[in-house]
């Protein structure tokens, strides 16, 4: 699903991942983190896709909202498990969205 974001500016956090073969608890944690993110002040939406490369883009009102999400205690536990168990490699990028446009039939 494509997130319904507001008029720019807003911020995008792009999380690109390569997974390990360890799947224990991953799906449950991913669902839990998405539900928790939705409850955070400044959260605007999320988009995610996975083949060999996983990409999740979350959208936020401000850099402060992103920092508060990063420092959320439950999110910190998930990040730690990701490094220990689920990811071979990841890259996180934070971008300011200044323009957006789309198309829909």
PDB file of N, CA and C in Angstrom:
ATOM      1  N   UNK A   1       0.841  -1.175   0.000  1.00  0.00           N
ATOM      2  CA  UNK A   1       0.000   0.000   0.000  1.00  0.00           C
ATOM      3  C   UNK A   1       0.893   1.248   0.000  1.00  0.00           C
ATOM      4  N   UNK A   2       0.517   2.253  -0.735  1.00  0.00           N
ATOM      5  CA  UNK A   2       1.251   3.513  -0.780  1.00  0.00           C
ATOM      6  C   UNK A   2       0.706   4.436   0.300  1.00  0.00           C
ATOM      7  N   UNK A   3       1.620   4.973   1.108  1.00  0.00           N
ATOM      8  CA  UNK A   3       1.225   5.849   2.217  1.00  0.00           C
ATOM      9  C   UNK A   3       0.591   7.135   1.685  1.00  0.00           C
ATOM     10  N   UNK A   4      -0.399   7.605   2.394  1.00  0.00           N
ATOM     11  CA  UNK A   4      -1.056   8.862   2.065  1.00  0.00           C
ATOM     12  C   UNK A   4      -0.399   9.965   2.898  1.00  0.00           C
ATOM     13  N   UNK A   5       0.595  10.619   2.337  1.00  0.00           N
ATOM     14  CA  UNK A   5       1.370  11.623   3.056  1.00  0.00           C
ATOM     15  C   UNK A   5       0.796  13.024   2.833  1.00  0.00           C
ATOM     16  N   UNK A   6       1.095  13.940   3.750  1.00  0.00           N
ATOM     17  CA  UNK A   6       0.592  15.309   3.616  1.00  0.00           C
ATOM     18  C   UNK A   6       1.409  16.102   2.601  1.00  0.00           C
ATOM     19  N   UNK A   7       1.027  17.326   2.405  1.00  0.00           N
ATOM     20  CA  UNK A   7       1.785  18.236   1.553  1.00  0.00           C
ATOM     21  C   UNK A   7       3.175  18.428   2.175  1.00  0.00           C
ATOM     22  N   UNK A   8       4.251  18.363   1.368  1.00  0.00           N
ATOM     23  CA  UNK A   8       5.596  18.567   1.899  1.00  0.00           C
ATOM     24  C   UNK A   8       5.764  19.978   2.465  1.00  0.00           C
ATOM     25  N   UNK A   9       6.752  20.155   3.329  1.00  0.00           N
ATOM     26  CA  UNK A   9       7.827  19.219   3.641  1.00  0.00           C
ATOM     27  C   UNK A   9       7.464  18.257   4.762  1.00  0.00           C
ATOM     28  N   UNK A  10       8.068  17.097   4.697  1.00  0.00           N
ATOM     29  CA  UNK A  10       8.039  16.088   5.756  1.00  0.00           C
ATOM     30  C   UNK A  10       9.288  15.240   5.571  1.00  0.00           C
ATOM     31  N   UNK A  11       9.474  14.220   6.382  1.00  0.00           N
ATOM     32  CA  UNK A  11      10.704  13.437   6.344  1.00  0.00           C
ATOM     33  C   UNK A  11      10.418  11.976   6.038  1.00  0.00           C
ATOM     34  N   UNK A  12      11.381  11.349   5.362  1.00  0.00           N
ATOM     35  CA  UNK A  12      11.322   9.920   5.055  1.00  0.00           C
ATOM     36  C   UNK A  12      12.538   9.240   5.667  1.00  0.00           C
ATOM     37  N   UNK A  13      12.290   8.120   6.341  1.00  0.00           N
ATOM     38  CA  UNK A  13      13.363   7.265   6.842  1.00  0.00           C
ATOM     39  C   UNK A  13      13.361   6.020   5.966  1.00  0.00           C
ATOM     40  N   UNK A  14      14.456   5.826   5.241  1.00  0.00           N
ATOM     41  CA  UNK A  14      14.578   4.695   4.319  1.00  0.00           C
ATOM     42  C   UNK A  14      15.469   3.648   4.974  1.00  0.00           C
ATOM     43  N   UNK A  15      14.912   2.475   5.200  1.00  0.00           N
ATOM     44  CA  UNK A  15      15.612   1.393   5.889  1.00  0.00           C
ATOM     45  C   UNK A  15      15.766   0.235   4.907  1.00  0.00           C
ATOM     46  N   UNK A  16      16.987   0.048   4.371  1.00  0.00           N
ATOM     47  CA  UNK A  16      17.284  -1.004   3.398  1.00  0.00           C
ATOM     48  C   UNK A  16      18.007  -2.133   4.120  1.00  0.00           C
ATOM     49  N   UNK A  17      17.582  -3.393   3.875  1.00  0.00           N
ATOM     50  CA  UNK A  17      18.134  -4.513   4.633  1.00  0.00           C
ATOM     51  C   UNK A  17      18.436  -5.733   3.773  1.00  0.00           C
ATOM     52  N   UNK A  18      19.438  -6.467   4.221  1.00  0.00           N
ATOM     53  CA  UNK A  18      19.704  -7.818   3.743  1.00  0.00           C
ATOM     54  C   UNK A  18      19.566  -8.724   4.959  1.00  0.00           C
ATOM     55  N   UNK A  19      18.723  -9.733   4.862  1.00  0.00           N
ATOM     56  CA  UNK A  19      18.402 -10.602   5.999  1.00  0.00           C
ATOM     57  C   UNK A  19      19.361 -11.775   6.131  1.00  0.00           C
ATOM     58  N   UNK A  20      19.449 -12.282   7.350  1.00  0.00           N
ATOM     59  CA  UNK A  20      20.094 -13.570   7.604  1.00  0.00           C
ATOM     60  C   UNK A  20      19.043 -14.649   7.364  1.00  0.00           C
ATOM     61  N   UNK A  21      19.407 -15.890   7.601  1.00  0.00           N
ATOM     62  CA  UNK A  21      18.431 -16.984   7.468  1.00  0.00           C
ATOM     63  C   UNK A  21      17.619 -17.171   8.743  1.00  0.00           C
ATOM     64  N   UNK A  22      17.942 -16.450   9.810  1.00  0.00           N
ATOM     65  CA  UNK A  22      17.234 -16.577  11.089  1.00  0.00           C
ATOM     66  C   UNK A  22      15.926 -15.784  11.030  1.00  0.00           C
ATOM     67  N   UNK A  23      14.812 -16.486  11.052  1.00  0.00           N
ATOM     68  CA  UNK A  23      13.500 -15.840  10.989  1.00  0.00           C
ATOM     69  C   UNK A  23      12.753 -15.869  12.310  1.00  0.00           C
ATOM     70  N   UNK A  24      13.338 -16.505  13.336  1.00  0.00           N
ATOM     71  CA  UNK A  24      12.634 -16.693  14.599  1.00  0.00           C
ATOM     72  C   UNK A  24      12.245 -15.354  15.226  1.00  0.00           C
ATOM     73  N   UNK A  25      10.941 -15.125  15.308  1.00  0.00           N
ATOM     74  CA  UNK A  25      10.417 -13.921  15.934  1.00  0.00           C
ATOM     75  C   UNK A  25      10.394 -12.683  15.058  1.00  0.00           C
ATOM     76  N   UNK A  26      10.940 -12.781  13.846  1.00  0.00           N
ATOM     77  CA  UNK A  26      11.049 -11.597  12.987  1.00  0.00           C
ATOM     78  C   UNK A  26       9.691 -11.031  12.573  1.00  0.00           C
ATOM     79  N   UNK A  27       8.834 -11.882  12.049  1.00  0.00           N
ATOM     80  CA  UNK A  27       7.539 -11.403  11.555  1.00  0.00           C
ATOM     81  C   UNK A  27       6.711 -10.772  12.668  1.00  0.00           C
ATOM     82  N   UNK A  28       6.726 -11.403  13.825  1.00  0.00           N
ATOM     83  CA  UNK A  28       5.971 -10.866  14.963  1.00  0.00           C
ATOM     84  C   UNK A  28       6.517  -9.497  15.377  1.00  0.00           C
ATOM     85  N   UNK A  29       7.842  -9.367  15.392  1.00  0.00           N
ATOM     86  CA  UNK A  29       8.457  -8.092  15.777  1.00  0.00           C
ATOM     87  C   UNK A  29       8.161  -7.015  14.731  1.00  0.00           C
ATOM     88  N   UNK A  30       8.186  -7.378  13.464  1.00  0.00           N
ATOM     89  CA  UNK A  30       7.902  -6.404  12.403  1.00  0.00           C
ATOM     90  C   UNK A  30       6.487  -5.851  12.550  1.00  0.00           C
ATOM     91  N   UNK A  31       5.521  -6.723  12.813  1.00  0.00           N
ATOM     92  CA  UNK A  31       4.136  -6.293  13.014  1.00  0.00           C
ATOM     93  C   UNK A  31       4.037  -5.406  14.248  1.00  0.00           C
ATOM     94  N   UNK A  32       4.681  -5.825  15.322  1.00  0.00           N
ATOM     95  CA  UNK A  32       4.655  -5.056  16.572  1.00  0.00           C
ATOM     96  C   UNK A  32       5.252  -3.660  16.375  1.00  0.00           C
ATOM     97  N   UNK A  33       6.363  -3.564  15.643  1.00  0.00           N
ATOM     98  CA  UNK A  33       7.012  -2.263  15.432  1.00  0.00           C
ATOM     99  C   UNK A  33       6.158  -1.351  14.555  1.00  0.00           C
ATOM    100  N   UNK A  34       5.495  -1.921  13.560  1.00  0.00           N
ATOM    101  CA  UNK A  34       4.624  -1.098  12.722  1.00  0.00           C
ATOM    102  C   UNK A  34       3.458  -0.548  13.535  1.00  0.00           C
ATOM    103  N   UNK A  35       2.862  -1.390  14.354  1.00  0.00           N
ATOM    104  CA  UNK A  35       1.751  -0.935  15.202  1.00  0.00           C
ATOM    105  C   UNK A  35       2.222   0.112  16.214  1.00  0.00           C
ATOM    106  N   UNK A  36       3.399  -0.080  16.782  1.00  0.00           N
ATOM    107  CA  UNK A  36       3.938   0.884  17.736  1.00  0.00           C
ATOM    108  C   UNK A  36       4.276   2.209  17.059  1.00  0.00           C
ATOM    109  N   UNK A  37       4.851   2.149  15.873  1.00  0.00           N
ATOM    110  CA  UNK A  37       5.196   3.373  15.134  1.00  0.00           C
ATOM    111  C   UNK A  37       3.945   4.210  14.858  1.00  0.00           C
ATOM    112  N   UNK A  38       2.858   3.538  14.502  1.00  0.00           N
ATOM    113  CA  UNK A  38       1.606   4.246  14.199  1.00  0.00           C
ATOM    114  C   UNK A  38       1.102   5.071  15.380  1.00  0.00           C
ATOM    115  N   UNK A  39       1.504   4.703  16.594  1.00  0.00           N
ATOM    116  CA  UNK A  39       1.052   5.405  17.797  1.00  0.00           C
ATOM    117  C   UNK A  39       1.957   6.580  18.175  1.00  0.00           C
ATOM    118  N   UNK A  40       3.071   6.744  17.462  1.00  0.00           N
ATOM    119  CA  UNK A  40       4.033   7.784  17.812  1.00  0.00           C
ATOM    120  C   UNK A  40       3.598   9.142  17.265  1.00  0.00           C
ATOM    121  N   UNK A  41       3.816  10.176  18.056  1.00  0.00           N
ATOM    122  CA  UNK A  41       3.559  11.537  17.581  1.00  0.00           C
ATOM    123  C   UNK A  41       4.434  11.808  16.366  1.00  0.00           C
ATOM    124  N   UNK A  42       3.836  12.380  15.344  1.00  0.00           N
ATOM    125  CA  UNK A  42       4.579  12.745  14.144  1.00  0.00           C
ATOM    126  C   UNK A  42       4.653  11.671  13.084  1.00  0.00           C
ATOM    127  N   UNK A  43       4.115  10.485  13.347  1.00  0.00           N
ATOM    128  CA  UNK A  43       4.104   9.403  12.367  1.00  0.00           C
ATOM    129  C   UNK A  43       3.112   9.723  11.254  1.00  0.00           C
ATOM    130  N   UNK A  44       3.525   9.516   9.999  1.00  0.00           N
ATOM    131  CA  UNK A  44       2.659   9.825   8.858  1.00  0.00           C
ATOM    132  C   UNK A  44       2.284   8.610   8.015  1.00  0.00           C
ATOM    133  N   UNK A  45       3.103   7.568   8.031  1.00  0.00           N
ATOM    134  CA  UNK A  45       2.787   6.401   7.214  1.00  0.00           C
ATOM    135  C   UNK A  45       4.009   5.545   6.965  1.00  0.00           C
ATOM    136  N   UNK A  46       3.778   4.407   6.280  1.00  0.00           N
ATOM    137  CA  UNK A  46       4.864   3.461   6.005  1.00  0.00           C
ATOM    138  C   UNK A  46       4.595   2.731   4.703  1.00  0.00           C
ATOM    139  N   UNK A  47       5.679   2.365   4.017  1.00  0.00           N
ATOM    140  CA  UNK A  47       5.632   1.531   2.820  1.00  0.00           C
ATOM    141  C   UNK A  47       6.766   0.516   2.942  1.00  0.00           C
ATOM    142  N   UNK A  48       6.511  -0.721   2.521  1.00  0.00           N
ATOM    143  CA  UNK A  48       7.533  -1.747   2.688  1.00  0.00           C
ATOM    144  C   UNK A  48       7.444  -2.771   1.569  1.00  0.00           C
ATOM    145  N   UNK A  49       8.614  -3.269   1.155  1.00  0.00           N
ATOM    146  CA  UNK A  49       8.685  -4.319   0.139  1.00  0.00           C
ATOM    147  C   UNK A  49       9.906  -5.185   0.438  1.00  0.00           C
ATOM    148  N   UNK A  50       9.792  -6.471   0.139  1.00  0.00           N
ATOM    149  CA  UNK A  50      10.936  -7.364   0.368  1.00  0.00           C
ATOM    150  C   UNK A  50      10.995  -8.430  -0.706  1.00  0.00           C
ATOM    151  N   UNK A  51      12.173  -8.561  -1.285  1.00  0.00           N
ATOM    152  CA  UNK A  51      12.592  -9.727  -2.059  1.00  0.00           C
ATOM    153  C   UNK A  51      13.898 -10.151  -1.409  1.00  0.00           C
ATOM    154  N   UNK A  52      14.989 -10.174  -2.141  1.00  0.00           N
ATOM    155  CA  UNK A  52      16.289 -10.394  -1.501  1.00  0.00           C
ATOM    156  C   UNK A  52      16.677  -9.158  -0.697  1.00  0.00           C
ATOM    157  N   UNK A  53      16.343  -8.003  -1.231  1.00  0.00           N
ATOM    158  CA  UNK A  53      16.581  -6.723  -0.577  1.00  0.00           C
ATOM    159  C   UNK A  53      15.267  -6.234   0.013  1.00  0.00           C
ATOM    160  N   UNK A  54      15.286  -5.863   1.278  1.00  0.00           N
ATOM    161  CA  UNK A  54      14.097  -5.304   1.907  1.00  0.00           C
ATOM    162  C   UNK A  54      14.230  -3.793   2.000  1.00  0.00           C
ATOM    163  N   UNK A  55      13.164  -3.090   1.706  1.00  0.00           N
ATOM    164  CA  UNK A  55      13.151  -1.634   1.837  1.00  0.00           C
ATOM    165  C   UNK A  55      11.866  -1.228   2.541  1.00  0.00           C
ATOM    166  N   UNK A  56      12.026  -0.514   3.640  1.00  0.00           N
ATOM    167  CA  UNK A  56      10.906   0.050   4.364  1.00  0.00           C
ATOM    168  C   UNK A  56      11.122   1.551   4.447  1.00  0.00           C
ATOM    169  N   UNK A  57      10.112   2.306   4.053  1.00  0.00           N
ATOM    170  CA  UNK A  57      10.173   3.762   4.136  1.00  0.00           C
ATOM    171  C   UNK A  57       9.076   4.207   5.092  1.00  0.00           C
ATOM    172  N   UNK A  58       9.486   4.881   6.160  1.00  0.00           N
ATOM    173  CA  UNK A  58       8.494   5.453   7.067  1.00  0.00           C
ATOM    174  C   UNK A  58       8.545   6.967   6.923  1.00  0.00           C
ATOM    175  N   UNK A  59       7.402   7.605   7.131  1.00  0.00           N
ATOM    176  CA  UNK A  59       7.264   9.048   6.928  1.00  0.00           C
ATOM    177  C   UNK A  59       6.918   9.722   8.247  1.00  0.00           C
ATOM    178  N   UNK A  60       7.548  10.883   8.470  1.00  0.00           N
ATOM    179  CA  UNK A  60       7.466  11.576   9.751  1.00  0.00           C
ATOM    180  C   UNK A  60       7.329  13.076   9.548  1.00  0.00           C
ATOM    181  N   UNK A  61       6.666  13.729  10.498  1.00  0.00           N
ATOM    182  CA  UNK A  61       6.479  15.179  10.432  1.00  0.00           C
ATOM    183  C   UNK A  61       7.766  15.964  10.637  1.00  0.00           C
ATOM    184  N   UNK A  62       8.686  15.424  11.461  1.00  0.00           N
ATOM    185  CA  UNK A  62       9.864  16.210  11.843  1.00  0.00           C
ATOM    186  C   UNK A  62      11.038  15.305  12.207  1.00  0.00           C
ATOM    187  N   UNK A  63      12.214  15.903  12.256  1.00  0.00           N
ATOM    188  CA  UNK A  63      13.395  15.182  12.722  1.00  0.00           C
ATOM    189  C   UNK A  63      13.254  14.806  14.196  1.00  0.00           C
ATOM    190  N   UNK A  64      12.594  15.661  14.970  1.00  0.00           N
ATOM    191  CA  UNK A  64      12.362  15.370  16.383  1.00  0.00           C
ATOM    192  C   UNK A  64      11.498  14.115  16.543  1.00  0.00           C
ATOM    193  N   UNK A  65      10.467  13.966  15.722  1.00  0.00           N
ATOM    194  CA  UNK A  65       9.618  12.766  15.775  1.00  0.00           C
ATOM    195  C   UNK A  65      10.422  11.517  15.443  1.00  0.00           C
ATOM    196  N   UNK A  66      11.335  11.613  14.487  1.00  0.00           N
ATOM    197  CA  UNK A  66      12.191  10.481  14.120  1.00  0.00           C
ATOM    198  C   UNK A  66      13.104  10.114  15.282  1.00  0.00           C
ATOM    199  N   UNK A  67      13.686  11.108  15.921  1.00  0.00           N
ATOM    200  CA  UNK A  67      14.576  10.858  17.058  1.00  0.00           C
ATOM    201  C   UNK A  67      13.823  10.204  18.219  1.00  0.00           C
ATOM    202  N   UNK A  68      12.608  10.672  18.484  1.00  0.00           N
ATOM    203  CA  UNK A  68      11.812  10.063  19.549  1.00  0.00           C
ATOM    204  C   UNK A  68      11.485   8.610  19.221  1.00  0.00           C
ATOM    205  N   UNK A  69      11.212   8.309  17.965  1.00  0.00           N
ATOM    206  CA  UNK A  69      10.952   6.929  17.557  1.00  0.00           C
ATOM    207  C   UNK A  69      12.216   6.089  17.732  1.00  0.00           C
ATOM    208  N   UNK A  70      13.358   6.622  17.321  1.00  0.00           N
ATOM    209  CA  UNK A  70      14.620   5.895  17.488  1.00  0.00           C
ATOM    210  C   UNK A  70      14.859   5.563  18.954  1.00  0.00           C
ATOM    211  N   UNK A  71      14.548   6.481  19.834  1.00  0.00           N
ATOM    212  CA  UNK A  71      14.823   6.303  21.257  1.00  0.00           C
ATOM    213  C   UNK A  71      13.722   5.578  22.022  1.00  0.00           C
ATOM    214  N   UNK A  72      12.643   5.183  21.351  1.00  0.00           N
ATOM    215  CA  UNK A  72      11.581   4.417  21.993  1.00  0.00           C
ATOM    216  C   UNK A  72      12.171   3.103  22.519  1.00  0.00           C
ATOM    217  N   UNK A  73      11.882   2.768  23.765  1.00  0.00           N
ATOM    218  CA  UNK A  73      12.491   1.604  24.417  1.00  0.00           C
ATOM    219  C   UNK A  73      12.215   0.293  23.672  1.00  0.00           C
ATOM    220  N   UNK A  74      10.987   0.068  23.265  1.00  0.00           N
ATOM    221  CA  UNK A  74      10.656  -1.172  22.556  1.00  0.00           C
ATOM    222  C   UNK A  74      11.329  -1.220  21.186  1.00  0.00           C
ATOM    223  N   UNK A  75      11.414  -0.069  20.522  1.00  0.00           N
ATOM    224  CA  UNK A  75      12.092   0.008  19.232  1.00  0.00           C
ATOM    225  C   UNK A  75      13.590  -0.275  19.407  1.00  0.00           C
ATOM    226  N   UNK A  76      14.171   0.175  20.507  1.00  0.00           N
ATOM    227  CA  UNK A  76      15.591  -0.091  20.785  1.00  0.00           C
ATOM    228  C   UNK A  76      15.846  -1.586  20.934  1.00  0.00           C
ATOM    229  N   UNK A  77      14.935  -2.303  21.588  1.00  0.00           N
ATOM    230  CA  UNK A  77      15.056  -3.765  21.721  1.00  0.00           C
ATOM    231  C   UNK A  77      15.012  -4.411  20.337  1.00  0.00           C
ATOM    232  N   UNK A  78      14.101  -3.965  19.486  1.00  0.00           N
ATOM    233  CA  UNK A  78      13.978  -4.526  18.137  1.00  0.00           C
ATOM    234  C   UNK A  78      15.245  -4.263  17.323  1.00  0.00           C
ATOM    235  N   UNK A  79      15.802  -3.069  17.433  1.00  0.00           N
ATOM    236  CA  UNK A  79      17.039  -2.749  16.702  1.00  0.00           C
ATOM    237  C   UNK A  79      18.182  -3.656  17.153  1.00  0.00           C
ATOM    238  N   UNK A  80      18.281  -3.887  18.448  1.00  0.00           N
ATOM    239  CA  UNK A  80      19.330  -4.760  18.989  1.00  0.00           C
ATOM    240  C   UNK A  80      19.178  -6.187  18.446  1.00  0.00           C
ATOM    241  N   UNK A  81      17.955  -6.713  18.461  1.00  0.00           N
ATOM    242  CA  UNK A  81      17.717  -8.061  17.927  1.00  0.00           C
ATOM    243  C   UNK A  81      18.009  -8.116  16.434  1.00  0.00           C
ATOM    244  N   UNK A  82      17.673  -7.047  15.724  1.00  0.00           N
ATOM    245  CA  UNK A  82      17.968  -6.993  14.291  1.00  0.00           C
ATOM    246  C   UNK A  82      19.450  -7.160  14.020  1.00  0.00           C
ATOM    247  N   UNK A  83      20.274  -6.449  14.781  1.00  0.00           N
ATOM    248  CA  UNK A  83      21.730  -6.548  14.606  1.00  0.00           C
ATOM    249  C   UNK A  83      22.252  -7.923  14.997  1.00  0.00           C
ATOM    250  N   UNK A  84      21.691  -8.491  16.054  1.00  0.00           N
ATOM    251  CA  UNK A  84      22.173  -9.784  16.559  1.00  0.00           C
ATOM    252  C   UNK A  84      21.693 -10.968  15.726  1.00  0.00           C
ATOM    253  N   UNK A  85      20.440 -10.904  15.221  1.00  0.00           N
ATOM    254  CA  UNK A  85      19.818 -12.086  14.631  1.00  0.00           C
ATOM    255  C   UNK A  85      19.402 -11.968  13.170  1.00  0.00           C
ATOM    256  N   UNK A  86      18.735 -10.889  12.813  1.00  0.00           N
ATOM    257  CA  UNK A  86      17.956 -10.878  11.578  1.00  0.00           C
ATOM    258  C   UNK A  86      18.614 -10.224  10.372  1.00  0.00           C
ATOM    259  N   UNK A  87      19.599  -9.360  10.565  1.00  0.00           N
ATOM    260  CA  UNK A  87      20.172  -8.622   9.436  1.00  0.00           C
ATOM    261  C   UNK A  87      21.641  -8.947   9.231  1.00  0.00           C
ATOM    262  N   UNK A  88      21.994  -9.223   7.961  1.00  0.00           N
ATOM    263  CA  UNK A  88      23.398  -9.313   7.565  1.00  0.00           C
ATOM    264  C   UNK A  88      23.956  -7.911   7.394  1.00  0.00           C
ATOM    265  N   UNK A  89      23.111  -7.039   6.873  1.00  0.00           N
ATOM    266  CA  UNK A  89      23.521  -5.663   6.585  1.00  0.00           C
ATOM    267  C   UNK A  89      22.279  -4.799   6.531  1.00  0.00           C
ATOM    268  N   UNK A  90      22.421  -3.562   6.980  1.00  0.00           N
ATOM    269  CA  UNK A  90      21.353  -2.593   6.760  1.00  0.00           C
ATOM    270  C   UNK A  90      21.937  -1.216   6.567  1.00  0.00           C
ATOM    271  N   UNK A  91      21.165  -0.375   5.943  1.00  0.00           N
ATOM    272  CA  UNK A  91      21.524   1.028   5.740  1.00  0.00           C
ATOM    273  C   UNK A  91      20.285   1.848   6.024  1.00  0.00           C
ATOM    274  N   UNK A  92      20.450   2.904   6.803  1.00  0.00           N
ATOM    275  CA  UNK A  92      19.339   3.780   7.137  1.00  0.00           C
ATOM    276  C   UNK A  92      19.653   5.174   6.602  1.00  0.00           C
ATOM    277  N   UNK A  93      18.687   5.770   5.950  1.00  0.00           N
ATOM    278  CA  UNK A  93      18.850   7.104   5.389  1.00  0.00           C
ATOM    279  C   UNK A  93      17.661   7.959   5.814  1.00  0.00           C
ATOM    280  N   UNK A  94      17.934   9.185   6.183  1.00  0.00           N
ATOM    281  CA  UNK A  94      16.874  10.123   6.552  1.00  0.00           C
ATOM    282  C   UNK A  94      16.896  11.263   5.538  1.00  0.00           C
ATOM    283  N   UNK A  95      15.745  11.517   4.931  1.00  0.00           N
ATOM    284  CA  UNK A  95      15.646  12.499   3.853  1.00  0.00           C
ATOM    285  C   UNK A  95      14.511  13.475   4.121  1.00  0.00           C
ATOM    286  N   UNK A  96      14.698  14.701   3.710  1.00  0.00           N
ATOM    287  CA  UNK A  96      13.623  15.684   3.756  1.00  0.00           C
ATOM    288  C   UNK A  96      12.913  15.655   2.410  1.00  0.00           C
ATOM    289  N   UNK A  97      11.624  15.425   2.442  1.00  0.00           N
ATOM    290  CA  UNK A  97      10.818  15.413   1.220  1.00  0.00           C
ATOM    291  C   UNK A  97      10.345  16.846   0.968  1.00  0.00           C
ATOM    292  N   UNK A  98      10.773  17.397  -0.138  1.00  0.00           N
ATOM    293  CA  UNK A  98      10.410  18.767  -0.475  1.00  0.00           C
ATOM    294  C   UNK A  98       9.341  18.842  -1.552  1.00  0.00           C
ATOM    295  N   UNK A  99       9.248  17.796  -2.352  1.00  0.00           N
ATOM    296  CA  UNK A  99       8.237  17.735  -3.423  1.00  0.00           C
ATOM    297  C   UNK A  99       7.738  16.299  -3.513  1.00  0.00           C
ATOM    298  N   UNK A 100       6.470  16.129  -3.793  1.00  0.00           N
ATOM    299  CA  UNK A 100       5.950  14.812  -4.145  1.00  0.00           C
ATOM    300  C   UNK A 100       4.756  14.987  -5.073  1.00  0.00           C
ATOM    301  N   UNK A 101       4.538  13.983  -5.866  1.00  0.00           N
ATOM    302  CA  UNK A 101       3.368  13.965  -6.744  1.00  0.00           C
ATOM    303  C   UNK A 101       3.084  12.522  -7.100  1.00  0.00           C
ATOM    304  N   UNK A 102       1.903  12.243  -7.591  1.00  0.00           N
ATOM    305  CA  UNK A 102       1.548  10.888  -7.907  1.00  0.00           C
ATOM    306  C   UNK A 102       0.473  10.796  -8.969  1.00  0.00           C
ATOM    307  N   UNK A 103       0.027   9.579  -9.181  1.00  0.00           N
ATOM    308  CA  UNK A 103      -0.985   9.265 -10.179  1.00  0.00           C
ATOM    309  C   UNK A 103      -1.812   8.111  -9.665  1.00  0.00           C
ATOM    310  N   UNK A 104      -3.098   8.134  -9.932  1.00  0.00           N
ATOM    311  CA  UNK A 104      -3.954   7.018  -9.567  1.00  0.00           C
ATOM    312  C   UNK A 104      -5.104   6.929 -10.552  1.00  0.00           C
ATOM    313  N   UNK A 105      -5.386   5.733 -11.037  1.00  0.00           N
ATOM    314  CA  UNK A 105      -6.530   5.511 -11.927  1.00  0.00           C
ATOM    315  C   UNK A 105      -7.756   5.267 -11.109  1.00  0.00           C
TER     316      UNK A 105
END
